[in-house]
Amino acid sequence: SVNLAPFSFFGGVGNYPPTIMVAIGQRQGRPKDTLRNIQETGEFVVHIVDETLAPAMNVTSGEYAYEVNEFELAHLATVPSLEVRPPRLAAAPVALECKVSQLVPVDGTTYTMVLGRVLHFHVREGLLRPNGLVDADLLRPVARLGGYEYATLGAVFEMQRPPA
């Protein structure tokens, strides 16, 4: 079953090879749908949500039955991924196609840390700056903080590292 779900616990782990982490809890003592799918397929796609997708993203945060297609529920179109079986969200400004490299139960919690190797990056045209980094002002990402709280970016600024 395909599903979408916003995650508070997501981040980069390393860049060579590109690796990300998603921490997924349980629902009523069973793996959430996202973890179940990852355990069964060994593959997943992570999307970066921008401000225009925030309302649809919120629709996907409900605790729906496993059989419910949250893409359809939120009226979001999919496109096939290039290297993994799960589809991508067509409107996402950034999508990361991933293959599981490790599933790590987090001691003392109901969480599983999923480490995924990014096999393919999809970045909307016009978002990359000449230095290869995403232009955050153009991306306008939404971050899930936890509970019902989300955030957008304030000022984006640079600071040079001091010489050692």
Protein backbone atom coordinates (compact mmCIF):
# COMPACT_ATOMS: atom_id res chain seq x y z
CA SER A 1 0.00 0.00 0.00
CA VAL A 2 1.42 3.43 -0.86
CA ASN A 3 1.32 6.08 1.81
CA LEU A 4 2.47 9.57 2.66
CA ALA A 5 3.25 10.85 6.14
CA PRO A 6 4.98 13.96 7.51
CA PHE A 7 7.94 13.18 9.79
CA SER A 8 9.54 15.23 12.54
CA PHE A 9 12.51 12.92 12.82
CA PHE A 10 14.32 13.10 9.49
CA GLY A 11 17.77 14.30 8.58
CA GLY A 12 20.97 13.83 6.69
CA VAL A 13 23.58 11.43 8.05
CA GLY A 14 26.38 11.60 5.50
CA ASN A 15 27.12 12.61 1.94
CA TYR A 16 29.52 9.93 0.59
CA PRO A 17 27.48 7.88 -0.03
CA PRO A 18 24.47 10.14 0.47
CA THR A 19 22.58 8.73 3.46
CA ILE A 20 19.53 9.95 5.34
CA MET A 21 17.75 8.90 8.54
CA VAL A 22 14.06 8.67 9.33
CA ALA A 23 12.88 7.60 12.79
CA ILE A 24 9.49 5.92 12.80
CA GLY A 25 7.40 5.03 15.84
CA GLN A 26 4.60 2.56 16.32
CA ARG A 27 0.85 2.87 16.43
CA GLN A 28 -0.93 0.72 19.02
CA GLY A 29 2.08 -1.58 19.36
CA ARG A 30 2.47 -2.21 15.62
CA PRO A 31 4.77 -0.59 13.03
CA LYS A 32 3.27 2.47 11.37
CA ASP A 33 2.40 2.03 7.68
CA THR A 34 5.58 3.75 6.52
CA LEU A 35 7.81 1.41 8.52
CA ARG A 36 5.79 -1.61 7.45
CA ASN A 37 6.26 -0.64 3.79
CA ILE A 38 9.97 -0.02 4.28
CA GLN A 39 10.42 -3.37 6.03
CA GLU A 40 8.57 -5.19 3.25
CA THR A 41 10.21 -3.47 0.26
CA GLY A 42 13.56 -2.13 1.48
CA GLU A 43 12.85 1.08 -0.44
CA PHE A 44 11.25 4.47 0.20
CA VAL A 45 11.02 8.04 -1.09
CA VAL A 46 11.43 11.15 1.05
CA HIS A 47 9.94 14.42 -0.17
CA ILE A 48 10.70 17.95 0.89
CA VAL A 49 7.43 19.83 1.27
CA ASP A 50 7.14 23.46 0.26
CA GLU A 51 4.58 25.98 1.48
CA THR A 52 2.19 25.24 -1.39
CA LEU A 53 2.03 21.55 -0.41
CA ALA A 54 1.53 22.14 3.33
CA PRO A 55 -2.30 21.78 3.36
CA ALA A 56 -2.16 18.50 1.39
CA MET A 57 0.69 17.27 3.59
CA ASN A 58 -1.50 17.86 6.62
CA VAL A 59 -4.23 15.69 5.10
CA THR A 60 -1.71 12.82 4.96
CA SER A 61 -0.95 13.12 8.69
CA GLY A 62 -4.16 11.34 9.69
CA GLU A 63 -4.00 7.84 11.13
CA TYR A 64 -5.69 6.07 8.24
CA ALA A 65 -6.11 2.36 7.70
CA TYR A 66 -3.25 0.65 5.84
CA GLU A 67 -5.36 0.23 2.71
CA VAL A 68 -6.06 3.97 2.34
CA ASN A 69 -4.08 5.59 -0.47
CA GLU A 70 -3.04 8.94 1.02
CA PHE A 71 -1.94 10.27 -2.38
CA GLU A 72 -5.55 9.91 -3.56
CA LEU A 73 -6.98 11.17 -0.28
CA ALA A 74 -4.94 14.39 -0.54
CA HIS A 75 -5.55 14.69 -4.31
CA LEU A 76 -1.84 14.44 -5.08
CA ALA A 77 -0.51 13.06 -8.36
CA THR A 78 2.33 10.56 -8.45
CA VAL A 79 5.06 9.84 -10.96
CA PRO A 80 7.14 6.67 -11.17
CA SER A 81 10.46 6.69 -9.39
CA LEU A 82 13.53 5.86 -11.43
CA GLU A 83 15.34 3.45 -9.08
CA VAL A 84 12.84 2.33 -6.43
CA ARG A 85 9.32 0.88 -6.53
CA PRO A 86 7.43 3.46 -4.44
CA PRO A 87 6.15 6.35 -6.57
CA ARG A 88 7.15 9.96 -6.09
CA LEU A 89 4.94 12.93 -5.40
CA ALA A 90 4.76 14.81 -8.71
CA ALA A 91 4.45 18.26 -7.10
CA ALA A 92 7.31 17.87 -4.61
CA PRO A 93 10.15 20.32 -5.18
CA VAL A 94 12.65 17.71 -3.92
CA ALA A 95 12.37 13.93 -3.75
CA LEU A 96 14.99 11.43 -2.58
CA GLU A 97 14.72 7.85 -3.81
CA CYS A 98 16.24 5.62 -1.13
CA LYS A 99 17.23 2.03 -0.49
CA VAL A 100 17.41 0.84 3.11
CA SER A 101 20.94 0.32 4.38
CA GLN A 102 20.04 -0.33 8.04
CA LEU A 103 17.02 -0.69 10.32
CA VAL A 104 18.04 0.10 13.89
CA PRO A 105 15.64 -0.36 16.82
CA VAL A 106 16.24 2.53 19.22
CA ASP A 107 16.80 1.05 22.67
CA GLY A 108 14.23 2.03 25.28
CA THR A 109 11.77 3.45 22.73
CA THR A 110 9.15 2.27 20.27
CA TYR A 111 11.12 3.85 17.42
CA THR A 112 13.08 2.32 14.57
CA MET A 113 15.79 4.39 12.92
CA VAL A 114 15.81 3.79 9.17
CA LEU A 115 19.06 4.59 7.39
CA GLY A 116 18.63 4.95 3.67
CA ARG A 117 21.13 5.42 0.89
CA VAL A 118 19.91 8.04 -1.56
CA LEU A 119 20.01 6.50 -5.02
CA HIS A 120 18.51 9.42 -6.91
CA PHE A 121 17.86 13.08 -6.13
CA HIS A 122 15.01 14.88 -7.92
CA VAL A 123 15.22 18.67 -7.61
CA ARG A 124 12.76 20.99 -9.31
CA GLU A 125 14.35 22.96 -12.12
CA GLY A 126 15.51 26.40 -11.01
CA LEU A 127 16.08 25.46 -7.35
CA LEU A 128 19.81 24.71 -7.61
CA ARG A 129 22.27 27.57 -7.30
CA PRO A 130 25.52 27.56 -9.30
CA ASN A 131 27.36 26.13 -6.26
CA GLY A 132 25.12 23.03 -6.36
CA LEU A 133 23.15 23.87 -3.21
CA VAL A 134 19.38 24.31 -3.16
CA ASP A 135 18.24 27.93 -2.98
CA ALA A 136 16.22 27.85 0.25
CA ASP A 137 14.50 31.16 -0.54
CA LEU A 138 13.10 29.64 -3.74
CA LEU A 139 12.36 26.26 -2.15
CA ARG A 140 10.30 27.73 0.72
CA PRO A 141 10.41 24.49 2.72
CA VAL A 142 8.08 23.53 5.53
CA ALA A 143 9.55 21.71 8.52
CA ARG A 144 7.58 19.51 10.88
CA LEU A 145 8.53 20.34 14.44
CA GLY A 146 6.28 17.89 16.27
CA GLY A 147 2.69 17.61 17.32
CA TYR A 148 0.68 20.16 15.37
CA GLU A 149 3.60 22.56 14.88
CA TYR A 150 5.32 23.34 11.60
CA ALA A 151 7.76 26.05 10.61
CA THR A 152 8.89 27.99 7.57
CA LEU A 153 12.26 29.64 7.09
CA GLY A 154 13.12 33.05 8.39
CA ALA A 155 16.19 34.83 7.07
CA VAL A 156 18.75 32.72 5.23
CA PHE A 157 22.33 33.87 5.80
CA GLU A 158 25.91 32.67 5.37
CA MET A 159 28.80 32.53 7.81
CA GLN A 160 32.32 31.62 6.74
CA ARG A 161 34.12 29.00 8.78
CA PRO A 162 37.11 30.38 10.65
CA PRO A 163 40.52 29.31 9.42
CA ALA A 164 42.10 26.61 11.57
